[in-house]
C-alpha atoms as a PDB file:
ATOM      1  CA  UNK A   1       0.000   0.000   0.000  1.00  0.00           C
ATOM      2  CA  UNK A   2       1.033   3.617  -0.351  1.00  0.00           C
ATOM      3  CA  UNK A   3       2.551   6.089   2.019  1.00  0.00           C
ATOM      4  CA  UNK A   4      -0.009   8.142   3.967  1.00  0.00           C
ATOM      5  CA  UNK A   5       2.135  10.136   6.412  1.00  0.00           C
ATOM      6  CA  UNK A   6       5.857  10.412   7.122  1.00  0.00           C
ATOM      7  CA  UNK A   7       7.521  12.668   9.689  1.00  0.00           C
ATOM      8  CA  UNK A   8      11.066  13.186  10.920  1.00  0.00           C
ATOM      9  CA  UNK A   9      12.267  15.031  14.023  1.00  0.00           C
ATOM     10  CA  UNK A  10       8.756  16.025  15.146  1.00  0.00           C
ATOM     11  CA  UNK A  11       8.868  18.001  18.390  1.00  0.00           C
ATOM     12  CA  UNK A  12       5.909  19.398  20.344  1.00  0.00           C
ATOM     13  CA  UNK A  13       6.215  21.619  23.387  1.00  0.00           C
ATOM     14  CA  UNK A  14       3.821  23.841  25.278  1.00  0.00           C
ATOM     15  CA  UNK A  15       3.930  26.475  27.996  1.00  0.00           C
ATOM     16  CA  UNK A  16       2.197  26.137  31.365  1.00  0.00           C
ATOM     17  CA  UNK A  17       1.162  29.725  32.038  1.00  0.00           C
ATOM     18  CA  UNK A  18       0.003  28.968  35.576  1.00  0.00           C
ATOM     19  CA  UNK A  19       3.484  27.730  36.583  1.00  0.00           C
ATOM     20  CA  UNK A  20       5.569  30.795  35.740  1.00  0.00           C
ATOM     21  CA  UNK A  21       5.831  29.969  32.024  1.00  0.00           C
ATOM     22  CA  UNK A  22       7.328  26.490  32.523  1.00  0.00           C
ATOM     23  CA  UNK A  23       8.071  24.866  29.137  1.00  0.00           C
ATOM     24  CA  UNK A  24       6.969  21.217  28.795  1.00  0.00           C
ATOM     25  CA  UNK A  25       8.204  18.998  25.957  1.00  0.00           C
ATOM     26  CA  UNK A  26       5.515  16.470  25.064  1.00  0.00           C
ATOM     27  CA  UNK A  27       7.368  14.855  22.174  1.00  0.00           C
ATOM     28  CA  UNK A  28      11.023  15.163  21.172  1.00  0.00           C
ATOM     29  CA  UNK A  29      12.384  14.304  17.710  1.00  0.00           C
ATOM     30  CA  UNK A  30       9.837  11.591  16.888  1.00  0.00           C
ATOM     31  CA  UNK A  31      10.149   9.790  13.547  1.00  0.00           C
ATOM     32  CA  UNK A  32       7.407   7.635  12.060  1.00  0.00           C
ATOM     33  CA  UNK A  33       5.753   6.504   8.866  1.00  0.00           C
ATOM     34  CA  UNK A  34       2.109   5.537   8.425  1.00  0.00           C
ATOM     35  CA  UNK A  35       1.074   3.482   5.431  1.00  0.00           C
ATOM     36  CA  UNK A  36      -2.415   3.382   3.934  1.00  0.00           C
ATOM     37  CA  UNK A  37      -4.575   0.784   5.685  1.00  0.00           C
ATOM     38  CA  UNK A  38      -2.686   0.979   9.008  1.00  0.00           C
ATOM     39  CA  UNK A  39      -4.450   1.870  12.253  1.00  0.00           C
ATOM     40  CA  UNK A  40      -2.668   4.345  14.516  1.00  0.00           C
ATOM     41  CA  UNK A  41      -3.404   5.518  18.051  1.00  0.00           C
ATOM     42  CA  UNK A  42      -1.392   8.222  19.808  1.00  0.00           C
ATOM     43  CA  UNK A  43      -1.839   8.632  23.537  1.00  0.00           C
ATOM     44  CA  UNK A  44      -0.095  10.552  26.214  1.00  0.00           C
END
């Protein structure tokens, strides 16, 4: 089957404004590929 989604070095961070602007990294440099027909679940 064909390629549906491919990512390299995906990073997601967010700021907790109620804790004096503390920066939280939720995902650091994630790499993955999703092919058509695959089932994917992301939790966290």
